Amino acid sequence: MTADQPTIRQVEPQVYGSKLAYVLVEVSASPLVREVPERRSALLDDAVEVAKALGVSNPYREKVRRGP
């Protein structure tokens, strides 16, 4: 797909980042990951990195910092 072709759906970076942070936090709490501390920790670390890139007024930024 080239830059001049329309996409089916365009998403603002803040919205995409919010959703990504939310999913990472939710998955880290799942039973399959909860029992593997290093994987859970990696997911939460990624969520924090995504949250750092979100705008200060973005509600997911603070939620990720506080934890699930």
Protein backbone atom coordinates (compact mmCIF):
# COMPACT_ATOMS: atom_id res chain seq x y z
CA MET A 1 0.00 0.00 0.00
CA THR A 2 1.40 3.41 -0.93
CA ALA A 3 1.05 6.66 0.97
CA ASP A 4 -1.50 8.04 -1.51
CA GLN A 5 -3.85 5.07 -1.18
CA PRO A 6 -6.60 5.43 1.40
CA THR A 7 -6.66 2.97 4.27
CA ILE A 8 -9.76 1.26 5.51
CA ARG A 9 -9.42 2.85 8.93
CA GLN A 10 -7.02 5.46 10.18
CA VAL A 11 -6.27 5.55 13.89
CA GLU A 12 -4.74 8.40 15.81
CA PRO A 13 -1.46 7.43 17.51
CA GLN A 14 -2.84 8.33 20.96
CA VAL A 15 -5.83 6.04 20.44
CA TYR A 16 -3.66 3.21 19.15
CA GLY A 17 -1.22 3.64 22.03
CA SER A 18 -4.06 3.66 24.55
CA LYS A 19 -5.48 0.45 23.16
CA LEU A 20 -2.06 -1.19 23.05
CA ALA A 21 -1.31 -0.25 26.67
CA TYR A 22 -4.74 -1.53 27.75
CA VAL A 23 -4.30 -4.87 25.96
CA LEU A 24 -0.80 -5.40 27.36
CA VAL A 25 -2.02 -4.80 30.92
CA GLU A 26 -5.06 -7.04 30.46
CA VAL A 27 -3.03 -9.88 28.93
CA SER A 28 -0.50 -9.67 31.75
CA ALA A 29 -3.31 -10.51 34.18
CA SER A 30 -4.48 -13.58 32.25
CA PRO A 31 -4.06 -16.97 33.95
CA LEU A 32 -1.73 -18.23 31.19
CA VAL A 33 0.75 -15.41 31.75
CA ARG A 34 0.27 -14.78 35.43
CA GLU A 35 2.05 -18.03 36.26
CA VAL A 36 5.15 -17.10 34.22
CA PRO A 37 6.59 -14.08 36.04
CA GLU A 38 9.19 -13.16 33.44
CA ARG A 39 6.60 -13.01 30.64
CA ARG A 40 4.19 -11.03 32.81
CA SER A 41 6.97 -8.64 33.72
CA ALA A 42 7.92 -8.20 30.04
CA LEU A 43 4.32 -7.38 29.10
CA LEU A 44 4.04 -4.85 31.89
CA ASP A 45 7.39 -3.30 30.97
CA ASP A 46 6.14 -2.89 27.40
CA ALA A 47 2.89 -1.35 28.66
CA VAL A 48 4.87 1.19 30.69
CA GLU A 49 7.00 2.10 27.67
CA VAL A 50 3.88 2.61 25.55
CA ALA A 51 2.28 4.68 28.32
CA LYS A 52 5.34 6.93 28.49
CA ALA A 53 4.75 7.85 24.85
CA LEU A 54 1.12 8.82 25.49
CA GLY A 55 0.14 12.41 26.13
CA VAL A 56 0.11 13.56 29.76
CA SER A 57 -3.68 14.01 29.67
CA ASN A 58 -4.28 10.49 28.33
CA PRO A 59 -6.11 8.46 31.03
CA TYR A 60 -4.33 5.20 30.12
CA ARG A 61 -0.96 6.74 30.88
CA GLU A 62 -1.82 7.08 34.57
CA LYS A 63 -3.67 3.75 34.69
CA VAL A 64 -0.61 1.88 33.42
CA ARG A 65 1.65 3.69 35.86
CA ARG A 66 -0.58 2.64 38.78
CA GLY A 67 -0.98 -0.92 37.54
CA PRO A 68 -4.06 -3.08 36.96
